[in-house]
């Protein structure tokens, strides 16, 4: 139903929710496309970059996910969840000593 509503009325929030639902269904191509478009249409909307980061993280795309979380942190500097994701990914991406 969300995919149909997005084709009829492409508003950022509908794209965002389509992205969230698609992530839960492990339909990552659809999730990424919807979340990127939502963010493009409303770059300052809280949560859009975080959701995109989570979709990419679940696929193992750690560096792009980290960049998306950093974008979210710029818009939401006090978000502890975003900061936690950044800390986790920075640790995972550091070369082992």
N, C-alpha and C. Protein backbone atom coordinates (compact mmCIF):
# COMPACT_ATOMS: atom_id res chain seq x y z
N UNK A 1 0.81 -1.19 0.00
CA UNK A 1 0.00 0.00 0.00
C UNK A 1 0.86 1.27 0.00
N UNK A 2 1.97 1.21 0.75
CA UNK A 2 2.85 2.37 0.77
C UNK A 2 3.45 2.65 -0.60
N UNK A 3 3.89 1.61 -1.28
CA UNK A 3 4.48 1.79 -2.61
C UNK A 3 3.45 2.40 -3.55
N UNK A 4 2.22 1.97 -3.45
CA UNK A 4 1.16 2.54 -4.30
C UNK A 4 0.91 4.00 -3.95
N UNK A 5 0.87 4.32 -2.66
CA UNK A 5 0.62 5.71 -2.26
C UNK A 5 1.75 6.62 -2.70
N UNK A 6 2.98 6.12 -2.70
CA UNK A 6 4.12 6.94 -3.13
C UNK A 6 4.02 7.25 -4.62
N UNK A 7 3.52 6.32 -5.41
CA UNK A 7 3.37 6.59 -6.84
C UNK A 7 2.27 7.62 -7.09
N UNK A 8 1.29 7.68 -6.21
CA UNK A 8 0.20 8.64 -6.38
C UNK A 8 0.52 10.01 -5.80
N UNK A 9 1.25 10.04 -4.70
CA UNK A 9 1.53 11.30 -4.01
C UNK A 9 2.89 11.19 -3.34
N UNK A 10 3.91 11.64 -4.03
CA UNK A 10 5.27 11.46 -3.55
C UNK A 10 5.65 12.56 -2.57
N UNK A 11 5.29 12.36 -1.32
CA UNK A 11 5.68 13.29 -0.26
C UNK A 11 6.80 12.63 0.54
N UNK A 12 7.70 13.43 1.11
CA UNK A 12 8.84 12.85 1.83
C UNK A 12 8.47 11.85 2.91
N UNK A 13 7.46 12.14 3.70
CA UNK A 13 7.09 11.22 4.78
C UNK A 13 6.64 9.86 4.24
N UNK A 14 5.90 9.86 3.14
CA UNK A 14 5.47 8.58 2.55
C UNK A 14 6.69 7.78 2.08
N UNK A 15 7.65 8.46 1.48
CA UNK A 15 8.88 7.80 1.06
C UNK A 15 9.65 7.26 2.27
N UNK A 16 9.70 8.05 3.33
CA UNK A 16 10.37 7.63 4.57
C UNK A 16 9.75 6.35 5.12
N UNK A 17 8.43 6.32 5.22
CA UNK A 17 7.78 5.14 5.76
C UNK A 17 7.90 3.94 4.83
N UNK A 18 7.92 4.18 3.53
CA UNK A 18 8.16 3.09 2.58
C UNK A 18 9.57 2.55 2.81
N UNK A 19 10.53 3.43 3.03
CA UNK A 19 11.89 3.00 3.30
C UNK A 19 12.00 2.19 4.57
N UNK A 20 11.32 2.64 5.63
CA UNK A 20 11.34 1.89 6.89
C UNK A 20 10.73 0.50 6.72
N UNK A 21 9.57 0.45 6.07
CA UNK A 21 8.89 -0.84 5.87
C UNK A 21 9.73 -1.76 4.99
N UNK A 22 10.33 -1.21 3.95
CA UNK A 22 11.14 -2.02 3.05
C UNK A 22 12.38 -2.56 3.76
N UNK A 23 12.95 -1.76 4.66
CA UNK A 23 14.10 -2.24 5.44
C UNK A 23 13.68 -3.43 6.29
N UNK A 24 12.53 -3.31 6.96
CA UNK A 24 12.05 -4.41 7.80
C UNK A 24 11.81 -5.68 6.99
N UNK A 25 11.39 -5.49 5.73
CA UNK A 25 11.12 -6.64 4.85
C UNK A 25 12.37 -7.11 4.12
N UNK A 26 13.51 -6.48 4.43
CA UNK A 26 14.79 -6.80 3.80
C UNK A 26 14.78 -6.55 2.29
N UNK A 27 13.98 -5.59 1.87
CA UNK A 27 13.94 -5.16 0.47
C UNK A 27 14.81 -3.90 0.37
N UNK A 28 16.12 -4.13 0.44
CA UNK A 28 17.05 -3.03 0.64
C UNK A 28 17.16 -2.08 -0.54
N UNK A 29 17.02 -2.56 -1.76
CA UNK A 29 17.08 -1.65 -2.91
C UNK A 29 15.94 -0.64 -2.85
N UNK A 30 14.75 -1.14 -2.56
CA UNK A 30 13.59 -0.26 -2.43
C UNK A 30 13.77 0.69 -1.25
N UNK A 31 14.27 0.16 -0.14
CA UNK A 31 14.47 0.98 1.06
C UNK A 31 15.44 2.12 0.78
N UNK A 32 16.58 1.79 0.21
CA UNK A 32 17.58 2.83 -0.06
C UNK A 32 17.05 3.88 -1.02
N UNK A 33 16.40 3.43 -2.09
CA UNK A 33 15.88 4.38 -3.07
C UNK A 33 14.85 5.33 -2.44
N UNK A 34 13.95 4.77 -1.65
CA UNK A 34 12.91 5.59 -1.02
C UNK A 34 13.51 6.56 -0.01
N UNK A 35 14.44 6.08 0.79
CA UNK A 35 15.04 6.94 1.82
C UNK A 35 15.93 8.01 1.22
N UNK A 36 16.64 7.68 0.16
CA UNK A 36 17.45 8.71 -0.52
C UNK A 36 16.55 9.80 -1.11
N UNK A 37 15.45 9.38 -1.71
CA UNK A 37 14.53 10.36 -2.30
C UNK A 37 13.86 11.20 -1.22
N UNK A 38 13.49 10.59 -0.11
CA UNK A 38 12.90 11.35 1.00
C UNK A 38 13.89 12.40 1.50
N UNK A 39 15.13 11.99 1.68
CA UNK A 39 16.16 12.92 2.16
C UNK A 39 16.43 14.03 1.15
N UNK A 40 16.40 13.67 -0.13
CA UNK A 40 16.60 14.67 -1.18
C UNK A 40 15.50 15.73 -1.15
N UNK A 41 14.28 15.28 -0.93
CA UNK A 41 13.13 16.21 -0.93
C UNK A 41 13.04 17.04 0.35
N UNK A 42 13.54 16.50 1.46
CA UNK A 42 13.52 17.23 2.73
C UNK A 42 14.79 16.90 3.52
N UNK A 43 15.92 17.54 3.14
CA UNK A 43 17.21 17.17 3.71
C UNK A 43 17.34 17.40 5.22
N UNK A 44 16.53 18.24 5.78
CA UNK A 44 16.64 18.54 7.21
C UNK A 44 15.67 17.74 8.08
N UNK A 45 14.90 16.88 7.48
CA UNK A 45 13.92 16.11 8.25
C UNK A 45 14.63 15.15 9.19
N UNK A 46 14.29 15.19 10.45
CA UNK A 46 14.94 14.29 11.41
C UNK A 46 14.59 12.84 11.12
N UNK A 47 15.62 12.00 11.17
CA UNK A 47 15.41 10.57 11.04
C UNK A 47 15.65 10.00 9.66
N UNK A 48 15.57 10.81 8.62
CA UNK A 48 15.72 10.29 7.26
C UNK A 48 17.12 9.71 7.04
N UNK A 49 18.15 10.48 7.40
CA UNK A 49 19.52 10.00 7.21
C UNK A 49 19.82 8.83 8.14
N UNK A 50 19.24 8.84 9.34
CA UNK A 50 19.44 7.73 10.27
C UNK A 50 18.86 6.44 9.69
N UNK A 51 17.64 6.53 9.16
CA UNK A 51 17.00 5.35 8.59
C UNK A 51 17.79 4.83 7.39
N UNK A 52 18.29 5.73 6.57
CA UNK A 52 19.11 5.32 5.43
C UNK A 52 20.38 4.63 5.93
N UNK A 53 20.98 5.18 6.95
CA UNK A 53 22.17 4.56 7.54
C UNK A 53 21.89 3.16 8.05
N UNK A 54 20.76 2.97 8.69
CA UNK A 54 20.41 1.64 9.21
C UNK A 54 20.19 0.65 8.07
N UNK A 55 19.55 1.09 7.00
CA UNK A 55 19.32 0.20 5.85
C UNK A 55 20.65 -0.23 5.25
N UNK A 56 21.58 0.70 5.14
CA UNK A 56 22.89 0.37 4.57
C UNK A 56 23.70 -0.50 5.54
N UNK A 57 23.61 -0.21 6.82
CA UNK A 57 24.34 -1.00 7.82
C UNK A 57 23.89 -2.45 7.79
N UNK A 58 22.60 -2.69 7.67
CA UNK A 58 22.07 -4.05 7.63
C UNK A 58 22.59 -4.84 6.43
N UNK A 59 23.01 -4.13 5.39
CA UNK A 59 23.55 -4.78 4.19
C UNK A 59 25.06 -4.93 4.26
N UNK A 60 25.66 -4.40 5.30
CA UNK A 60 27.11 -4.46 5.41
C UNK A 60 27.81 -3.31 4.72
N UNK A 61 27.07 -2.31 4.28
CA UNK A 61 27.65 -1.12 3.64
C UNK A 61 28.03 -0.12 4.74
N UNK A 62 29.10 -0.45 5.45
CA UNK A 62 29.42 0.29 6.67
C UNK A 62 29.89 1.72 6.42
N UNK A 63 30.76 1.93 5.45
CA UNK A 63 31.25 3.29 5.21
C UNK A 63 30.13 4.23 4.75
N UNK A 64 29.30 3.83 3.78
CA UNK A 64 28.18 4.71 3.42
C UNK A 64 27.20 4.92 4.58
N UNK A 65 27.02 3.88 5.39
CA UNK A 65 26.13 4.01 6.55
C UNK A 65 26.70 5.04 7.52
N UNK A 66 28.00 4.98 7.75
CA UNK A 66 28.65 5.94 8.64
C UNK A 66 28.46 7.37 8.13
N UNK A 67 28.62 7.57 6.85
CA UNK A 67 28.42 8.90 6.27
C UNK A 67 26.98 9.38 6.47
N UNK A 68 26.04 8.48 6.32
CA UNK A 68 24.64 8.85 6.52
C UNK A 68 24.36 9.20 7.98
N UNK A 69 24.94 8.44 8.92
CA UNK A 69 24.77 8.76 10.34
C UNK A 69 25.39 10.11 10.67
N UNK A 70 26.53 10.40 10.07
CA UNK A 70 27.16 11.70 10.30
C UNK A 70 26.30 12.84 9.77
N UNK A 71 25.65 12.61 8.64
CA UNK A 71 24.73 13.62 8.10
C UNK A 71 23.57 13.83 9.07
N UNK A 72 23.06 12.75 9.63
CA UNK A 72 21.98 12.86 10.63
C UNK A 72 22.44 13.63 11.85
N UNK A 73 23.65 13.38 12.30
CA UNK A 73 24.15 14.04 13.50
C UNK A 73 24.29 15.55 13.29
N UNK A 74 24.58 15.98 12.08
CA UNK A 74 24.64 17.42 11.80
C UNK A 74 23.26 18.05 12.01
N UNK A 75 22.23 17.37 11.53
CA UNK A 75 20.86 17.87 11.68
C UNK A 75 20.33 17.69 13.10
N UNK A 76 20.80 16.68 13.79
CA UNK A 76 20.32 16.31 15.13
C UNK A 76 21.52 16.12 16.06
N UNK A 77 22.22 17.18 16.43
CA UNK A 77 23.49 17.01 17.16
C UNK A 77 23.39 16.34 18.52
N UNK A 78 22.25 16.31 19.13
CA UNK A 78 22.12 15.74 20.46
C UNK A 78 21.52 14.33 20.46
N UNK A 79 21.43 13.71 19.29
CA UNK A 79 20.80 12.40 19.21
C UNK A 79 21.77 11.30 19.64
N UNK A 80 21.51 10.72 20.78
CA UNK A 80 22.40 9.70 21.34
C UNK A 80 22.42 8.43 20.50
N UNK A 81 21.29 8.07 19.90
CA UNK A 81 21.24 6.87 19.07
C UNK A 81 22.12 6.99 17.84
N UNK A 82 22.10 8.16 17.23
CA UNK A 82 22.95 8.39 16.07
C UNK A 82 24.41 8.36 16.47
N UNK A 83 24.73 9.00 17.59
CA UNK A 83 26.11 9.00 18.06
C UNK A 83 26.58 7.58 18.37
N UNK A 84 25.71 6.76 18.93
CA UNK A 84 26.06 5.37 19.23
C UNK A 84 26.36 4.59 17.95
N UNK A 85 25.58 4.82 16.91
CA UNK A 85 25.82 4.14 15.63
C UNK A 85 27.16 4.57 15.04
N UNK A 86 27.46 5.86 15.12
CA UNK A 86 28.74 6.36 14.62
C UNK A 86 29.89 5.72 15.37
N UNK A 87 29.80 5.69 16.69
CA UNK A 87 30.86 5.10 17.51
C UNK A 87 31.07 3.63 17.15
N UNK A 88 29.98 2.89 17.00
CA UNK A 88 30.06 1.47 16.64
C UNK A 88 30.73 1.27 15.28
N UNK A 89 30.32 2.06 14.29
CA UNK A 89 30.86 1.87 12.95
C UNK A 89 32.31 2.32 12.85
N UNK A 90 32.66 3.39 13.53
CA UNK A 90 34.06 3.83 13.53
C UNK A 90 34.94 2.71 14.08
N UNK A 91 34.49 2.07 15.16
CA UNK A 91 35.25 0.98 15.75
C UNK A 91 35.37 -0.21 14.78
N UNK A 92 34.29 -0.52 14.08
CA UNK A 92 34.31 -1.64 13.14
C UNK A 92 35.19 -1.35 11.93
N UNK A 93 35.25 -0.10 11.53
CA UNK A 93 36.00 0.26 10.33
C UNK A 93 37.48 0.50 10.56
N UNK A 94 37.87 0.62 11.83
CA UNK A 94 39.30 0.82 12.13
C UNK A 94 40.05 -0.48 11.88
N UNK A 95 41.23 -0.36 11.27
CA UNK A 95 42.01 -1.58 11.04
C UNK A 95 42.45 -2.21 12.37
N UNK A 96 42.45 -3.52 12.40
CA UNK A 96 42.86 -4.25 13.61
C UNK A 96 44.35 -4.04 13.85
N UNK A 97 44.72 -3.90 15.12
CA UNK A 97 46.13 -3.68 15.48
C UNK A 97 46.75 -4.95 15.98
